[in-house]
Amino acid sequence: MRNAEFDREKVLRSAMNAFMNKGYANTSMQDLKKATGLHPGSIYCAFENKRGLLLEALEQYRLDRSTEFEKFFSASQKTTDNLKLYLDNVVTECISCDNTQACLMTKALNETAEQDIEIQQIISNNLSMLQQAFTEKFEQAKEEKGISAHKDCEHLARYFLMGIYGLRTFAQTHPKPEILEQLAEQLYQDVLR
C-alpha cells in the first residue's frame, strides 16, 4: 500500500477546525472527509483512526499556538503590554463565537480526557508548557519592574492560565462582549498588583 500524499499541516488544521466546530464525538468520518479532503481510507492509513487524527491535531494545535504566543512577545514593548495584547486576543477569539477560534485543548479536555488517559496527558503537558512560557514572561516583567519583585512568577502563570481557560469556558455561555472584556481586564490588573 502506498502512502497518500497531502499537506499534513493543512490536513491537521482542517481536522482541528472540524473537531472544534462539532466536538470529537460528533465529528464523523464524513465531516473529516469534507474538512480535510481525504477519503476515510486515507485518514485511516495516515492516522490509524479518528483518535489518531485528534492526537496529531492536538500536537499541531500546540505548535501553532506556541508560534502565535511567541509573536505576541517578539515586539519590543514591555512584557506587561505584550501580556495585555495576548489577553485581548483571547477575548477577541471568545467574542467572535467562531468555533474555529475555540480552543481545541478545552474542547478535547471537556469531552474526552476522563475517558482517555493519553489525551489527558497530552493536554496536561501542553498546559504545563504554556504555564512555563507564562512563568518566563512574568520573570521578564519582574526584571522590567512591570510587576512587583516579591511576586511568585510561577503562581502568577498558573493564575493567568486559569483565568484564560476560565474566560474560554465562560465565553461558551455567550455573555455580552463587554463582560468578557471586563473580566479580562480584571485578570490583567490582578497579575500586575
Protein backbone atom coordinates (compact mmCIF):
# COMPACT_ATOMS: atom_id res chain seq x y z
CA MET A 1 0.00 0.00 0.00
CA ARG A 2 1.46 3.38 -0.94
CA ASN A 3 1.27 6.38 1.36
CA ALA A 4 -1.18 9.11 0.45
CA GLU A 5 0.42 12.42 -0.50
CA PHE A 6 -1.06 15.50 1.12
CA ASP A 7 -0.10 18.62 3.05
CA ARG A 8 -0.07 17.20 6.57
CA GLU A 9 -0.23 20.56 8.37
CA LYS A 10 -3.14 21.71 6.24
CA VAL A 11 -5.00 18.44 6.91
CA LEU A 12 -4.32 18.68 10.65
CA ARG A 13 -5.54 22.28 10.79
CA SER A 14 -8.67 21.32 8.87
CA ALA A 15 -9.27 18.45 11.29
CA MET A 16 -8.72 20.85 14.22
CA ASN A 17 -11.45 23.11 12.87
CA ALA A 18 -13.81 20.18 12.43
CA PHE A 19 -13.17 18.96 15.99
CA MET A 20 -13.54 22.49 17.42
CA ASN A 21 -16.76 23.04 15.47
CA LYS A 22 -18.60 19.84 16.36
CA GLY A 23 -16.57 18.28 19.15
CA TYR A 24 -14.72 14.99 18.89
CA ALA A 25 -17.67 12.64 19.39
CA ASN A 26 -19.95 14.50 16.99
CA THR A 27 -17.35 14.77 14.21
CA SER A 28 -17.99 11.92 11.81
CA MET A 29 -15.60 10.47 9.27
CA GLN A 30 -17.73 12.18 6.62
CA ASP A 31 -17.18 15.51 8.41
CA LEU A 32 -13.45 14.82 8.42
CA LYS A 33 -13.54 13.83 4.76
CA LYS A 34 -15.29 17.09 3.92
CA ALA A 35 -12.95 19.17 6.10
CA THR A 36 -9.66 17.58 5.07
CA GLY A 37 -10.39 16.45 1.53
CA LEU A 38 -9.10 12.98 2.44
CA HIS A 39 -11.14 9.84 1.98
CA PRO A 40 -11.70 7.80 5.16
CA GLY A 41 -9.26 5.15 3.88
CA SER A 42 -6.53 7.79 3.58
CA ILE A 43 -7.31 9.08 7.07
CA TYR A 44 -7.03 5.54 8.45
CA CYS A 45 -3.82 4.94 6.51
CA ALA A 46 -2.19 8.18 7.69
CA PHE A 47 -3.55 8.43 11.25
CA GLU A 48 -4.88 4.92 12.08
CA ASN A 49 -8.29 6.27 13.11
CA LYS A 50 -10.19 9.37 14.22
CA ARG A 51 -8.48 9.30 17.61
CA GLY A 52 -5.06 9.20 15.96
CA LEU A 53 -6.07 12.22 13.90
CA LEU A 54 -7.14 14.03 17.09
CA LEU A 55 -3.82 13.23 18.78
CA GLU A 56 -1.85 14.68 15.88
CA ALA A 57 -4.25 17.64 15.61
CA LEU A 58 -3.59 18.41 19.28
CA GLU A 59 0.15 18.47 18.57
CA GLN A 60 -0.33 20.74 15.56
CA TYR A 61 -2.56 22.97 17.68
CA ARG A 62 0.19 23.19 20.31
CA LEU A 63 2.78 24.09 17.67
CA ASP A 64 0.51 26.72 16.10
CA ARG A 65 -0.36 28.26 19.46
CA SER A 66 3.28 28.26 20.50
CA THR A 67 4.22 30.15 17.34
CA GLU A 68 1.36 32.58 17.94
CA PHE A 69 2.45 33.04 21.56
CA GLU A 70 6.00 33.93 20.51
CA LYS A 71 4.70 36.50 18.02
CA PHE A 72 2.97 38.38 20.82
CA PHE A 73 6.23 38.61 22.71
CA SER A 74 8.55 39.37 19.81
CA ALA A 75 7.55 43.05 19.87
CA SER A 76 9.91 45.41 21.63
CA GLN A 77 7.19 46.59 24.00
CA LYS A 78 7.24 45.94 27.71
CA THR A 79 6.35 42.37 28.60
CA THR A 80 3.27 43.51 30.54
CA ASP A 81 1.99 45.25 27.40
CA ASN A 82 2.52 42.05 25.42
CA LEU A 83 0.64 40.07 28.08
CA LYS A 84 -2.24 42.53 27.65
CA LEU A 85 -2.17 42.08 23.85
CA TYR A 86 -2.22 38.31 24.30
CA LEU A 87 -5.16 38.51 26.68
CA ASP A 88 -7.01 40.90 24.36
CA ASN A 89 -6.56 38.37 21.56
CA VAL A 90 -8.07 35.62 23.73
CA VAL A 91 -11.09 37.87 24.36
CA THR A 92 -11.41 38.61 20.63
CA GLU A 93 -11.42 34.88 19.91
CA CYS A 94 -14.06 34.34 22.58
CA ILE A 95 -16.26 37.18 21.33
CA SER A 96 -16.10 36.00 17.74
CA CYS A 97 -18.27 32.98 18.62
CA ASP A 98 -16.45 31.32 15.73
CA ASN A 99 -15.94 27.69 16.67
CA THR A 100 -12.77 27.64 14.59
CA GLN A 101 -11.38 30.15 17.09
CA ALA A 102 -12.33 27.95 20.03
CA CYS A 103 -9.63 26.19 21.99
CA LEU A 104 -9.05 22.61 20.83
CA MET A 105 -7.48 21.73 24.17
CA THR A 106 -10.52 22.96 26.09
CA LYS A 107 -12.89 21.09 23.79
CA ALA A 108 -10.87 17.87 23.92
CA LEU A 109 -10.36 18.10 27.67
CA ASN A 110 -14.04 18.66 28.37
CA GLU A 111 -15.13 15.88 26.05
CA THR A 112 -12.58 13.08 26.12
CA ALA A 113 -9.93 13.46 28.79
CA GLU A 114 -11.67 11.45 31.51
CA GLN A 115 -12.13 8.52 29.16
CA ASP A 116 -8.70 8.73 27.53
CA ILE A 117 -5.62 8.99 29.74
CA GLU A 118 -3.31 9.62 26.77
CA ILE A 119 -5.33 12.64 25.62
CA GLN A 120 -5.48 13.89 29.21
CA GLN A 121 -1.69 13.58 29.48
CA ILE A 122 -1.07 15.37 26.17
CA ILE A 123 -3.31 18.26 27.21
CA SER A 124 -1.72 18.36 30.65
CA ASN A 125 1.75 18.51 29.07
CA ASN A 126 0.64 21.24 26.66
CA LEU A 127 -0.77 23.30 29.50
CA SER A 128 2.43 22.77 31.53
CA MET A 129 4.49 24.09 28.62
CA LEU A 130 2.22 27.12 28.32
CA GLN A 131 2.43 27.71 32.05
CA GLN A 132 6.23 27.58 31.83
CA ALA A 133 6.16 30.09 28.95
CA PHE A 134 4.00 32.44 31.03
CA THR A 135 6.28 31.97 34.03
CA GLU A 136 9.21 33.11 31.88
CA LYS A 137 7.24 36.14 30.69
CA PHE A 138 6.34 37.09 34.25
CA GLU A 139 10.03 36.75 35.19
CA GLN A 140 10.83 39.16 32.35
CA ALA A 141 8.11 41.52 33.56
CA LYS A 142 9.63 41.38 37.04
CA GLU A 143 13.08 42.25 35.64
CA GLU A 144 11.49 45.17 33.76
CA LYS A 145 9.85 46.27 37.02
CA GLY A 146 6.42 45.82 35.41
CA ILE A 147 5.33 43.67 38.35
CA SER A 148 6.40 43.63 41.96
CA ALA A 149 9.73 41.98 42.78
CA HIS A 150 8.10 39.89 45.52
CA LYS A 151 5.63 38.19 43.13
CA ASP A 152 5.84 34.43 42.64
CA CYS A 153 6.00 34.17 38.84
CA GLU A 154 5.05 30.51 38.75
CA HIS A 155 1.93 31.22 40.77
CA LEU A 156 1.10 34.20 38.53
CA ALA A 157 1.44 31.97 35.47
CA ARG A 158 -0.94 29.37 36.94
CA TYR A 159 -3.42 32.10 37.88
CA PHE A 160 -3.19 33.74 34.44
CA LEU A 161 -3.65 30.40 32.69
CA MET A 162 -6.63 29.58 34.91
CA GLY A 163 -8.13 32.95 34.03
CA ILE A 164 -7.64 32.43 30.30
CA TYR A 165 -9.25 28.99 30.31
CA GLY A 166 -11.97 30.27 32.61
CA LEU A 167 -12.71 33.02 30.07
CA ARG A 168 -12.76 30.49 27.23
CA THR A 169 -15.17 28.25 29.12
CA PHE A 170 -17.38 31.13 30.30
CA ALA A 171 -17.50 32.53 26.75
CA GLN A 172 -19.32 29.38 25.65
CA THR A 173 -22.35 30.67 27.58
CA HIS A 174 -22.35 33.70 25.20
CA PRO A 175 -22.09 36.60 27.65
CA LYS A 176 -22.03 40.14 26.34
CA PRO A 177 -18.61 41.11 24.91
CA GLU A 178 -18.20 43.87 27.47
CA ILE A 179 -18.48 41.31 30.28
CA LEU A 180 -15.63 39.25 28.80
CA GLU A 181 -13.60 42.42 28.35
CA GLN A 182 -14.21 43.45 31.98
CA LEU A 183 -13.22 40.01 33.26
CA ALA A 184 -10.06 40.02 31.15
CA GLU A 185 -9.15 43.49 32.40
CA GLN A 186 -9.67 42.34 35.99
CA LEU A 187 -7.41 39.34 35.36
CA TYR A 188 -4.75 41.60 33.88
CA GLN A 189 -4.94 44.06 36.77
CA ASP A 190 -4.78 41.23 39.29
CA VAL A 191 -1.47 39.98 37.93
CA LEU A 192 0.01 43.49 37.86
CA ARG A 193 -0.80 44.21 41.51
